[in-house]
Amino acid sequence: MRTAPSAPDAPRPARSLVPRAVWTAAALSVLLLLLVSLRLPWIGDLGMHAATLERLRHDLVNPGNPLVDADTPSPYYSPWAVFFALVADVSGAPTFGVLRAAALVGLAVLLSGVWRFVRTLTERTAAVPLALLCLTLLWGTRVFAWSGFTGLGSLALTVSYPSTLALGLAFHLWAWLRRALAAAASWPVFLGLGLLWGTIVLVHQFTGVVAGLGVLALVLGARPWPPRAVWARLAGGTAAAGALVLAWPYYDLLALWGADGMDAIHRPLYRDTAIRFGLVAVGLPALAARWWRDRRDPLALFFLLGLLVVAAGGISGHYAWGRALPAVLIPAQLAVAIEVFAATRRWWRTTLALLLAAALAVGAWMQIGTLGYAVPHHWLPDPVAAKAREPWHGYRWTTPWVRYGDVVMARTFPARQLPAHGAYTVAPGYPDVLLPDERQRIAATERYYAEDTAAGERARILAAHRVRWVLDGPRRPGDGLREVAEGPNGERLYRVVP
């Protein structure tokens, strides 16, 4: 059963306001994401997720820390990671091959989720490709990449991450809930919805918060108002979500709440917001129009709830709350795509369509450098190639010497990639709020690479952390190291001589 849209759709115009170019652009966007998922450009957190799969492949029950040689839990050991580690174990596929499969699965779930949710908001099928364009291109004048965000620049890097799957499941959750509320569905349906929400929270905690805000908005905006029996089922579904989260054996979600360092990591989310997200402003008039027609419009409520959380984070200094930004952006992006069809006044519909077309054109140009992840740069026109970013080369060149479980002394940048091939590093390449001696490990690494550190102290640091390899530039004789290989960027791999 399909629920009625929140506002009546406008009569279909003789000539569609959204030309066939929208369908073509949507198809090109999907094709680009498919190409990216096959190449997996190595920028960002790819090494972390590869390392997580590596640990689970070797020990599914007690994998330990994914980056350093320590027996600690990690929020990266999510249902996503466990599932794909089992796929890797059964199939024997290499870790990066499994990540490519994860990219295709996540992309399929995301696209189908957007389709299902948008169709609960409007009967116009053509609104779906327009919504996809808005979600991927309607951002800002500077490329912004962060997991859990739908911009083309973000998805190009994170399509194989658990955040993409979680975001796709969130769209499915909202679509399923909207239909369940309209039909006053049975207990099993709402319990299933709760388990789905719990799964999203475990797969990607921040997207779980966004999903929860969307759930609250849909419930508050439900028409007719849910009867008492439905409220009881909603409470049961919420309890099922909580039980699943608390029962997950790999990490304690509550331990992440208020953990030191989370706010410092996310403070950049509150900088340059107009440059990063300014084009989304074209969705604000659409949200206002929907709210004017219906004070309980679910997209308007979703936007307001997200704005409240993000603003509270900025005011209180809890910058990690900025990860709720998709709850602000997604409603505005969807609202403008739907309002182009839902508006009943021709002048308003035409004005909005023209504004949206201009904003999408700017957004497409700003993110056109993403093509560089999918095709060689020399194939691209010079203006496009100038915007393209080069993926990292990686450290596969170290694998003939460095074995699984070996500890490597490395600076932050290589420490983000070496664990993808099974090695450990002394200090984690990414912040780890559940690693108790993280600061000591970082300090030891800084002391090792400091120019004024004595050779004896360097040797003690290597011995204390059972380091077998050092990644560095040229070393002087007598450092207790033997050079074994040189990488493409001039880095050298040294064996620690006993």
Protein backbone atom coordinates (compact mmCIF):
# COMPACT_ATOMS: atom_id res chain seq x y z
CA MET A 1 0.00 0.00 0.00
CA ARG A 2 1.40 3.41 -0.94
CA THR A 3 0.74 6.37 1.31
CA ALA A 4 -0.62 9.57 -0.11
CA PRO A 5 1.84 12.39 -0.63
CA SER A 6 1.99 15.05 2.04
CA ALA A 7 0.49 17.54 -0.41
CA PRO A 8 -1.45 17.07 -3.64
CA ASP A 9 0.68 16.89 -6.76
CA ALA A 10 0.25 19.50 -9.43
CA PRO A 11 -1.35 18.52 -12.73
CA ARG A 12 1.21 17.11 -15.12
CA PRO A 13 2.35 19.90 -17.43
CA ALA A 14 2.22 19.36 -21.16
CA ARG A 15 5.96 19.62 -21.32
CA SER A 16 7.85 18.32 -18.29
CA LEU A 17 9.70 20.90 -16.25
CA VAL A 18 12.45 18.35 -15.82
CA PRO A 19 13.91 17.59 -19.25
CA ARG A 20 15.32 14.30 -20.37
CA ALA A 21 18.72 15.65 -19.49
CA VAL A 22 17.85 14.96 -15.85
CA TRP A 23 17.49 11.25 -16.61
CA THR A 24 20.74 11.30 -18.55
CA ALA A 25 22.56 13.09 -15.75
CA ALA A 26 21.18 10.68 -13.17
CA ALA A 27 22.33 7.73 -15.28
CA LEU A 28 25.78 9.27 -15.64
CA SER A 29 25.96 9.80 -11.88
CA VAL A 30 25.11 6.17 -11.26
CA LEU A 31 27.61 5.06 -13.88
CA LEU A 32 30.30 7.22 -12.30
CA LEU A 33 29.66 5.71 -8.90
CA LEU A 34 29.84 2.23 -10.38
CA LEU A 35 33.19 3.02 -12.00
CA VAL A 36 34.50 4.47 -8.77
CA SER A 37 33.37 1.42 -6.84
CA LEU A 38 35.39 -0.78 -9.19
CA ARG A 39 38.56 1.33 -8.84
CA LEU A 40 38.21 2.13 -5.13
CA PRO A 41 40.28 5.33 -5.03
CA TRP A 42 42.53 5.14 -2.00
CA ILE A 43 41.91 8.42 -0.20
CA GLY A 44 40.34 8.66 3.23
CA ASP A 45 39.46 5.74 5.49
CA LEU A 46 39.78 2.87 3.03
CA GLY A 47 42.82 1.51 4.88
CA MET A 48 40.89 1.42 8.15
CA HIS A 49 38.06 -0.64 6.70
CA ALA A 50 40.46 -2.97 4.91
CA ALA A 51 42.37 -3.46 8.18
CA THR A 52 39.11 -4.23 9.98
CA LEU A 53 38.30 -6.99 7.50
CA GLU A 54 41.85 -8.32 7.78
CA ARG A 55 41.59 -8.68 11.57
CA LEU A 56 38.20 -10.37 11.41
CA ARG A 57 39.39 -12.77 8.71
CA HIS A 58 42.17 -13.92 11.02
CA ASP A 59 40.15 -14.04 14.24
CA LEU A 60 36.40 -13.56 14.05
CA VAL A 61 35.88 -13.93 17.81
CA ASN A 62 38.69 -11.76 19.23
CA PRO A 63 40.16 -9.62 16.44
CA GLY A 64 41.78 -7.00 18.70
CA ASN A 65 42.49 -3.44 17.67
CA PRO A 66 42.43 -3.07 13.86
CA LEU A 67 45.41 -0.69 13.69
CA VAL A 68 47.79 -1.39 16.57
CA ASP A 69 48.90 -4.52 18.39
CA ALA A 70 46.51 -4.21 21.33
CA ASP A 71 43.57 -6.26 22.61
CA THR A 72 40.92 -3.54 22.60
CA PRO A 73 37.39 -3.29 21.15
CA SER A 74 36.63 -1.12 18.15
CA PRO A 75 33.41 0.45 16.83
CA TYR A 76 34.58 -0.54 13.35
CA TYR A 77 33.67 -4.17 14.18
CA SER A 78 30.11 -3.65 13.01
CA PRO A 79 27.61 -6.06 11.43
CA TRP A 80 28.85 -4.75 8.07
CA ALA A 81 32.42 -5.78 8.87
CA VAL A 82 31.45 -9.16 10.30
CA PHE A 83 29.28 -9.97 7.29
CA PHE A 84 31.90 -9.09 4.69
CA ALA A 85 34.63 -10.80 6.70
CA LEU A 86 32.56 -13.97 6.53
CA VAL A 87 32.12 -13.42 2.78
CA ALA A 88 35.89 -13.09 2.46
CA ASP A 89 36.49 -16.20 4.54
CA VAL A 90 34.01 -18.35 2.61
CA SER A 91 34.93 -17.08 -0.85
CA GLY A 92 38.67 -16.73 -0.31
CA ALA A 93 38.51 -13.39 -2.13
CA PRO A 94 41.19 -10.78 -1.33
CA THR A 95 40.21 -8.02 1.05
CA PHE A 96 40.07 -5.31 -1.62
CA GLY A 97 37.96 -7.57 -3.81
CA VAL A 98 35.49 -7.90 -0.94
CA LEU A 99 35.50 -4.12 -0.51
CA ARG A 100 34.54 -3.77 -4.17
CA ALA A 101 31.61 -6.10 -3.56
CA ALA A 102 30.71 -4.03 -0.50
CA ALA A 103 30.73 -0.91 -2.69
CA LEU A 104 28.29 -2.42 -5.15
CA VAL A 105 26.01 -3.67 -2.37
CA GLY A 106 26.06 -0.33 -0.58
CA LEU A 107 25.35 1.55 -3.79
CA ALA A 108 22.43 -0.71 -4.68
CA VAL A 109 20.92 -0.35 -1.20
CA LEU A 110 21.32 3.43 -1.29
CA LEU A 111 19.78 3.94 -4.73
CA SER A 112 16.87 1.59 -4.03
CA GLY A 113 16.32 3.24 -0.65
CA VAL A 114 16.13 6.72 -2.18
CA TRP A 115 13.71 5.40 -4.80
CA ARG A 116 11.40 3.82 -2.20
CA PHE A 117 11.39 6.80 0.15
CA VAL A 118 10.81 9.43 -2.52
CA ARG A 119 7.92 7.39 -3.91
CA THR A 120 6.21 7.59 -0.50
CA LEU A 121 6.36 11.38 -0.77
CA THR A 122 5.17 11.83 -4.35
CA GLU A 123 3.53 9.82 -7.11
CA ARG A 124 5.75 11.39 -9.77
CA THR A 125 8.36 8.86 -10.85
CA ALA A 126 10.43 11.58 -12.49
CA ALA A 127 11.05 13.08 -9.05
CA VAL A 128 13.31 10.14 -8.19
CA PRO A 129 16.19 10.91 -10.62
CA LEU A 130 15.87 14.59 -9.75
CA ALA A 131 16.13 13.68 -6.06
CA LEU A 132 19.26 11.64 -6.79
CA LEU A 133 20.79 14.62 -8.56
CA CYS A 134 19.96 16.89 -5.65
CA LEU A 135 21.42 14.48 -3.11
CA THR A 136 24.69 14.13 -5.02
CA LEU A 137 25.21 17.56 -6.61
CA LEU A 138 23.34 20.11 -4.48
CA TRP A 139 26.11 20.90 -2.00
CA GLY A 140 28.49 23.86 -2.18
CA THR A 141 31.24 25.58 -4.09
CA ARG A 142 33.97 23.50 -2.44
CA VAL A 143 34.11 19.72 -2.57
CA PHE A 144 33.26 18.24 0.80
CA ALA A 145 34.01 14.58 1.57
CA TRP A 146 32.96 12.85 4.77
CA SER A 147 31.40 9.46 5.40
CA GLY A 148 27.64 9.53 5.89
CA PHE A 149 27.14 12.42 3.43
CA THR A 150 25.59 11.97 -0.01
CA GLY A 151 27.64 14.42 -2.07
CA LEU A 152 29.21 12.94 -5.17
CA GLY A 153 32.68 13.79 -3.87
CA SER A 154 31.92 11.97 -0.62
CA LEU A 155 30.31 8.93 -2.21
CA ALA A 156 33.17 8.60 -4.68
CA LEU A 157 35.45 7.88 -1.72
CA THR A 158 33.06 6.24 0.74
CA VAL A 159 30.91 4.03 -1.50
CA SER A 160 32.64 0.93 -0.11
CA TYR A 161 32.40 2.11 3.51
CA PRO A 162 29.81 0.91 6.02
CA SER A 163 28.39 4.45 6.14
CA THR A 164 27.03 4.10 2.60
CA LEU A 165 25.19 0.90 3.44
CA ALA A 166 23.88 2.47 6.66
CA LEU A 167 22.60 5.51 4.78
CA GLY A 168 20.87 3.31 2.22
CA LEU A 169 19.25 1.28 5.00
CA ALA A 170 18.09 4.55 6.60
CA PHE A 171 16.18 5.48 3.43
CA HIS A 172 14.60 2.00 3.43
CA LEU A 173 13.74 2.41 7.12
CA TRP A 174 11.95 5.71 6.46
CA ALA A 175 10.04 4.30 3.49
CA TRP A 176 9.00 1.19 5.42
CA LEU A 177 7.99 3.22 8.49
CA ARG A 178 5.93 5.68 6.45
CA ARG A 179 3.93 2.82 4.98
CA ALA A 180 3.67 1.04 8.33
CA LEU A 181 2.25 4.14 10.00
CA ALA A 182 -0.33 4.65 7.26
CA ALA A 183 -1.44 1.02 7.44
CA ALA A 184 -1.23 0.70 11.27
CA ALA A 185 0.95 -2.35 10.66
CA SER A 186 1.25 -5.31 13.02
CA TRP A 187 3.71 -5.95 15.86
CA PRO A 188 6.15 -8.00 13.71
CA VAL A 189 6.49 -5.09 11.27
CA PHE A 190 7.37 -2.56 13.96
CA LEU A 191 9.72 -4.99 15.68
CA GLY A 192 11.42 -5.48 12.31
CA LEU A 193 11.69 -1.73 11.91
CA GLY A 194 13.31 -1.52 15.33
CA LEU A 195 15.85 -4.22 14.48
CA LEU A 196 16.63 -2.41 11.23
CA TRP A 197 17.25 0.84 13.11
CA GLY A 198 19.47 -0.97 15.61
CA THR A 199 21.46 -2.45 12.75
CA ILE A 200 21.97 1.00 11.23
CA VAL A 201 23.23 2.31 14.58
CA LEU A 202 25.74 -0.53 14.86
CA VAL A 203 26.91 -0.25 11.24
CA HIS A 204 27.52 3.52 11.42
CA GLN A 205 26.70 5.26 14.66
CA PHE A 206 26.31 8.77 13.27
CA THR A 207 24.01 7.65 10.47
CA GLY A 208 22.03 5.85 13.15
CA VAL A 209 21.39 9.23 14.79
CA VAL A 210 20.30 10.72 11.47
CA ALA A 211 18.01 7.73 10.90
CA GLY A 212 16.50 8.24 14.36
CA LEU A 213 15.78 11.91 13.67
CA GLY A 214 14.06 10.89 10.44
CA VAL A 215 11.99 8.31 12.31
CA LEU A 216 10.89 10.93 14.84
CA ALA A 217 9.94 13.37 12.08
CA LEU A 218 7.89 10.75 10.24
CA VAL A 219 6.06 9.75 13.41
CA LEU A 220 5.28 13.36 14.36
CA GLY A 221 4.19 14.07 10.79
CA ALA A 222 2.05 10.97 10.35
CA ARG A 223 -1.49 11.51 9.10
CA PRO A 224 -3.76 10.31 10.54
CA TRP A 225 -2.25 10.60 14.01
CA PRO A 226 -1.14 7.11 15.12
CA PRO A 227 -3.63 5.37 17.44
CA ARG A 228 -2.63 4.13 20.87
CA ALA A 229 -1.93 0.61 19.61
CA VAL A 230 0.57 1.92 17.05
CA TRP A 231 2.36 3.95 19.74
CA ALA A 232 2.75 0.75 21.75
CA ARG A 233 4.24 -0.99 18.71
CA LEU A 234 6.59 1.94 18.12
CA ALA A 235 7.77 1.63 21.71
CA GLY A 236 8.29 -2.09 21.18
CA GLY A 237 10.33 -1.45 18.05
CA THR A 238 12.46 1.12 19.89
CA ALA A 239 13.08 -1.42 22.65
CA ALA A 240 14.09 -4.02 20.05
CA ALA A 241 16.61 -1.55 18.59
CA GLY A 242 18.07 -0.87 22.01
CA ALA A 243 18.30 -4.56 22.87
CA LEU A 244 20.15 -5.32 19.63
CA VAL A 245 22.64 -2.49 20.21
CA LEU A 246 23.32 -3.52 23.81
CA ALA A 247 23.70 -7.18 22.88
CA TRP A 248 26.32 -6.57 20.17
CA PRO A 249 29.47 -8.35 21.42
CA TYR A 250 32.26 -6.48 19.61
CA TYR A 251 32.06 -3.07 21.28
CA ASP A 252 30.03 -1.09 23.81
CA LEU A 253 28.20 1.72 22.05
CA LEU A 254 27.68 3.56 25.34
CA ALA A 255 31.46 3.79 25.77
CA LEU A 256 31.57 6.09 22.74
CA TRP A 257 29.21 8.59 24.34
CA GLY A 258 31.22 11.54 25.57
CA ALA A 259 34.56 9.89 24.73
CA ASP A 260 37.53 12.25 24.74
CA GLY A 261 38.61 13.56 21.36
CA MET A 262 35.33 13.14 19.48
CA ASP A 263 34.53 16.85 19.48
CA ALA A 264 38.00 17.90 18.34
CA ILE A 265 37.77 15.51 15.38
CA HIS A 266 34.47 16.98 14.24
CA ARG A 267 35.06 20.67 14.84
CA PRO A 268 35.82 21.24 11.10
CA LEU A 269 32.19 20.42 10.34
CA TYR A 270 31.30 23.85 11.71
CA ARG A 271 33.74 25.72 9.49
CA ASP A 272 33.08 27.15 6.03
CA THR A 273 29.51 25.85 6.09
CA ALA A 274 28.28 28.32 3.45
CA ILE A 275 31.04 27.29 1.04
CA ARG A 276 30.52 23.58 1.63
CA PHE A 277 26.72 23.47 1.75
CA GLY A 278 25.52 26.79 0.32
CA LEU A 279 23.75 25.38 -2.74
CA VAL A 280 21.37 23.47 -0.46
CA ALA A 281 19.77 26.85 0.28
CA VAL A 282 17.71 26.44 -2.89
CA GLY A 283 15.77 23.79 -0.94
CA LEU A 284 14.76 26.18 1.84
CA PRO A 285 11.91 27.85 -0.10
CA ALA A 286 10.61 24.39 -0.98
CA LEU A 287 10.68 23.36 2.68
CA ALA A 288 8.91 26.60 3.63
CA ALA A 289 6.20 25.97 1.01
CA ARG A 290 5.66 22.45 2.29
CA TRP A 291 5.48 23.68 5.89
CA TRP A 292 3.02 26.43 4.90
CA ARG A 293 0.70 23.82 3.40
CA ASP A 294 1.15 21.38 6.27
CA ARG A 295 2.56 22.34 9.67
CA ARG A 296 3.36 18.67 10.26
CA ASP A 297 5.10 18.03 6.96
CA PRO A 298 7.64 15.25 7.65
CA LEU A 299 10.46 16.77 5.58
CA ALA A 300 10.06 20.13 7.28
CA LEU A 301 10.05 18.46 10.71
CA PHE A 302 13.09 16.38 9.76
CA PHE A 303 14.94 19.54 8.75
CA LEU A 304 14.03 21.36 11.97
CA LEU A 305 15.06 18.44 14.18
CA GLY A 306 18.40 18.14 12.40
CA LEU A 307 18.98 21.89 12.60
CA LEU A 308 18.23 21.83 16.32
CA VAL A 309 20.80 19.08 17.00
CA VAL A 310 23.51 20.66 14.85
CA ALA A 311 22.95 24.13 16.31
CA ALA A 312 23.01 22.73 19.84
CA GLY A 313 26.33 21.05 19.09
CA GLY A 314 27.85 24.27 17.82
CA ILE A 315 26.62 26.32 20.78
CA SER A 316 27.63 23.79 23.45
CA GLY A 317 30.96 22.79 21.90
CA HIS A 318 29.81 19.21 21.30
CA TYR A 319 31.06 19.31 17.72
CA ALA A 320 30.49 15.60 17.18
CA TRP A 321 26.80 16.49 16.97
CA GLY A 322 27.67 18.06 13.65
CA ARG A 323 27.49 14.57 12.17
CA ALA A 324 23.73 15.10 12.25
CA LEU A 325 24.16 17.53 9.32
CA PRO A 326 22.65 15.03 6.83
CA ALA A 327 19.41 15.43 8.78
CA VAL A 328 19.49 19.11 7.74
CA LEU A 329 20.67 18.62 4.17
CA ILE A 330 18.70 15.58 3.01
CA PRO A 331 15.22 17.05 3.74
CA ALA A 332 16.09 20.26 1.88
CA GLN A 333 17.50 18.36 -1.10
CA LEU A 334 14.48 16.06 -1.33
CA ALA A 335 12.00 18.88 -0.77
CA VAL A 336 13.16 20.92 -3.75
CA ALA A 337 13.19 17.87 -6.04
CA ILE A 338 9.61 17.04 -5.07
CA GLU A 339 8.31 20.62 -4.98
CA VAL A 340 9.21 21.11 -8.64
CA PHE A 341 6.38 18.65 -9.35
CA ALA A 342 4.11 19.32 -6.35
CA ALA A 343 3.76 23.09 -6.71
CA THR A 344 0.31 24.06 -8.01
CA ARG A 345 1.21 27.57 -9.20
CA ARG A 346 2.98 27.65 -12.53
CA TRP A 347 5.10 30.73 -11.77
CA TRP A 348 6.37 29.17 -8.54
CA ARG A 349 7.02 25.82 -10.19
CA THR A 350 8.94 27.46 -13.06
CA THR A 351 10.96 29.75 -10.78
CA LEU A 352 11.95 26.88 -8.53
CA ALA A 353 12.91 24.72 -11.50
CA LEU A 354 15.15 27.44 -12.93
CA LEU A 355 16.84 28.06 -9.56
CA LEU A 356 17.36 24.34 -9.09
CA ALA A 357 18.77 23.89 -12.60
CA ALA A 358 21.30 26.68 -11.99
CA ALA A 359 22.31 25.29 -8.59
CA LEU A 360 22.71 21.78 -10.00
CA ALA A 361 24.87 23.09 -12.84
CA VAL A 362 27.16 24.85 -10.37
CA GLY A 363 27.26 21.77 -8.15
CA ALA A 364 28.10 19.52 -11.08
CA TRP A 365 31.00 21.74 -12.11
CA MET A 366 32.31 21.95 -8.56
CA GLN A 367 32.37 18.14 -8.26
CA ILE A 368 33.40 17.29 -11.81
CA GLY A 369 36.90 16.50 -10.59
CA THR A 370 35.41 13.27 -9.21
CA LEU A 371 35.77 11.94 -12.75
CA GLY A 372 39.49 11.66 -12.01
CA TYR A 373 38.75 8.75 -9.68
CA ALA A 374 37.06 6.81 -12.45
CA VAL A 375 39.15 7.55 -15.56
CA PRO A 376 42.82 8.37 -16.23
CA HIS A 377 43.55 12.07 -15.99
CA HIS A 378 45.00 12.30 -19.50
CA TRP A 379 41.58 11.35 -20.89
CA LEU A 380 40.00 14.43 -19.31
CA PRO A 381 39.88 17.98 -20.69
CA ASP A 382 42.45 20.22 -19.04
CA PRO A 383 39.94 22.24 -16.94
CA VAL A 384 38.47 19.00 -15.57
CA ALA A 385 41.85 17.34 -15.05
CA ALA A 386 42.93 20.39 -13.05
CA LYS A 387 40.14 19.68 -10.57
CA ALA A 388 40.84 15.95 -10.32
CA ARG A 389 42.60 14.53 -7.27
CA GLU A 390 45.18 11.76 -7.44
CA PRO A 391 44.43 8.68 -5.31
CA TRP A 392 47.12 7.56 -2.87
CA HIS A 393 49.65 5.04 -4.16
CA GLY A 394 49.36 2.77 -1.13
CA TYR A 395 52.00 0.59 0.51
CA ARG A 396 51.59 -2.71 -1.26
CA TRP A 397 55.26 -2.41 -2.18
CA THR A 398 56.11 -3.31 1.45
CA THR A 399 54.26 -6.64 1.46
CA PRO A 400 57.14 -8.82 0.15
CA TRP A 401 58.88 -8.10 3.48
CA VAL A 402 56.29 -7.03 6.05
CA ARG A 403 54.17 -9.97 7.16
CA TYR A 404 50.76 -10.10 8.80
CA GLY A 405 50.99 -8.96 12.43
CA ASP A 406 54.42 -7.28 12.10
CA VAL A 407 54.72 -3.90 13.85
CA VAL A 408 55.93 -0.98 11.73
CA MET A 409 57.11 2.37 13.01
CA ALA A 410 55.48 4.91 10.70
CA ARG A 411 54.19 8.45 10.65
CA THR A 412 50.46 9.23 10.46
CA PHE A 413 50.02 9.17 6.69
CA PRO A 414 51.46 5.69 6.04
CA ALA A 415 49.92 4.48 9.30
CA ARG A 416 46.54 4.99 7.64
CA GLN A 417 47.40 2.50 4.91
CA LEU A 418 49.87 -0.10 6.19
CA PRO A 419 47.30 -1.96 8.37
CA ALA A 420 45.24 -2.60 5.24
CA HIS A 421 47.87 -5.20 4.33
CA GLY A 422 47.91 -6.81 7.77
CA ALA A 423 50.67 -4.86 9.53
CA TYR A 424 50.32 -2.99 12.81
CA THR A 425 51.72 0.46 13.53
CA VAL A 426 52.93 1.89 16.82
CA ALA A 427 50.46 4.78 16.83
CA PRO A 428 47.07 4.52 15.11
CA GLY A 429 46.72 6.45 11.88
CA TYR A 430 43.20 7.45 12.92
CA PRO A 431 41.91 8.70 16.28
CA ASP A 432 40.84 5.77 18.46
CA VAL A 433 38.73 6.78 21.45
CA LEU A 434 38.70 3.22 22.84
CA LEU A 435 42.50 2.80 22.84
CA PRO A 436 43.63 3.70 26.42
CA ASP A 437 47.30 4.36 25.60
CA GLU A 438 46.70 6.26 22.36
CA ARG A 439 48.44 9.43 23.58
CA GLN A 440 51.49 7.50 24.77
CA ARG A 441 51.77 5.75 21.41
CA ILE A 442 51.54 9.04 19.54
CA ALA A 443 54.14 10.60 21.82
CA ALA A 444 56.49 7.63 21.32
CA THR A 445 56.21 7.96 17.55
CA GLU A 446 56.89 11.69 17.68
CA ARG A 447 59.95 11.11 19.88
CA TYR A 448 61.28 8.46 17.55
CA TYR A 449 61.16 10.73 14.50
CA ALA A 450 62.40 13.85 16.30
CA GLU A 451 65.83 14.89 15.00
CA ASP A 452 67.28 15.45 18.47
CA THR A 453 66.31 11.99 19.83
CA ALA A 454 69.35 9.92 20.76
CA ALA A 455 69.96 6.59 19.04
CA GLY A 456 69.65 4.77 22.36
CA GLU A 457 66.22 6.18 23.05
CA ARG A 458 65.09 5.28 19.54
CA ALA A 459 66.23 1.71 20.15
CA ARG A 460 64.31 1.57 23.45
CA ILE A 461 61.12 2.82 21.73
CA LEU A 462 61.41 0.14 19.04
CA ALA A 463 62.00 -2.57 21.63
CA ALA A 464 59.11 -1.44 23.86
CA HIS A 465 56.64 -1.77 20.98
CA ARG A 466 58.24 -4.86 19.40
CA VAL A 467 58.86 -3.00 16.15
CA ARG A 468 60.32 -5.06 13.31
CA TRP A 469 60.25 -2.45 10.54
CA VAL A 470 60.73 1.29 10.21
CA LEU A 471 59.34 3.43 7.38
CA ASP A 472 61.35 6.60 6.88
CA GLY A 473 63.59 8.61 4.63
CA PRO A 474 67.35 7.94 4.35
CA ARG A 475 68.95 6.88 7.63
CA ARG A 476 72.50 7.26 8.87
CA PRO A 477 74.59 4.13 9.46
CA GLY A 478 74.56 2.92 13.03
CA ASP A 479 70.84 3.44 13.66
CA GLY A 480 70.33 -0.32 14.07
CA LEU A 481 68.41 -0.49 10.80
CA ARG A 482 69.04 -2.22 7.51
CA GLU A 483 67.43 -0.87 4.32
CA VAL A 484 65.46 -3.47 2.36
CA ALA A 485 63.29 -1.52 -0.10
CA GLU A 486 62.46 1.89 -1.53
CA GLY A 487 58.93 2.99 -2.39
CA PRO A 488 57.63 5.05 -5.33
CA ASN A 489 57.70 8.29 -3.30
CA GLY A 490 61.24 7.87 -2.06
CA GLU A 491 60.29 6.35 1.28
CA ARG A 492 62.51 3.56 2.51
CA LEU A 493 61.65 0.43 4.45
CA TYR A 494 64.20 -0.64 7.08
CA ARG A 495 64.48 -3.87 8.98
CA VAL A 496 65.22 -3.51 12.70
CA VAL A 497 68.53 -5.30 13.30
CA PRO A 498 68.54 -7.24 16.61
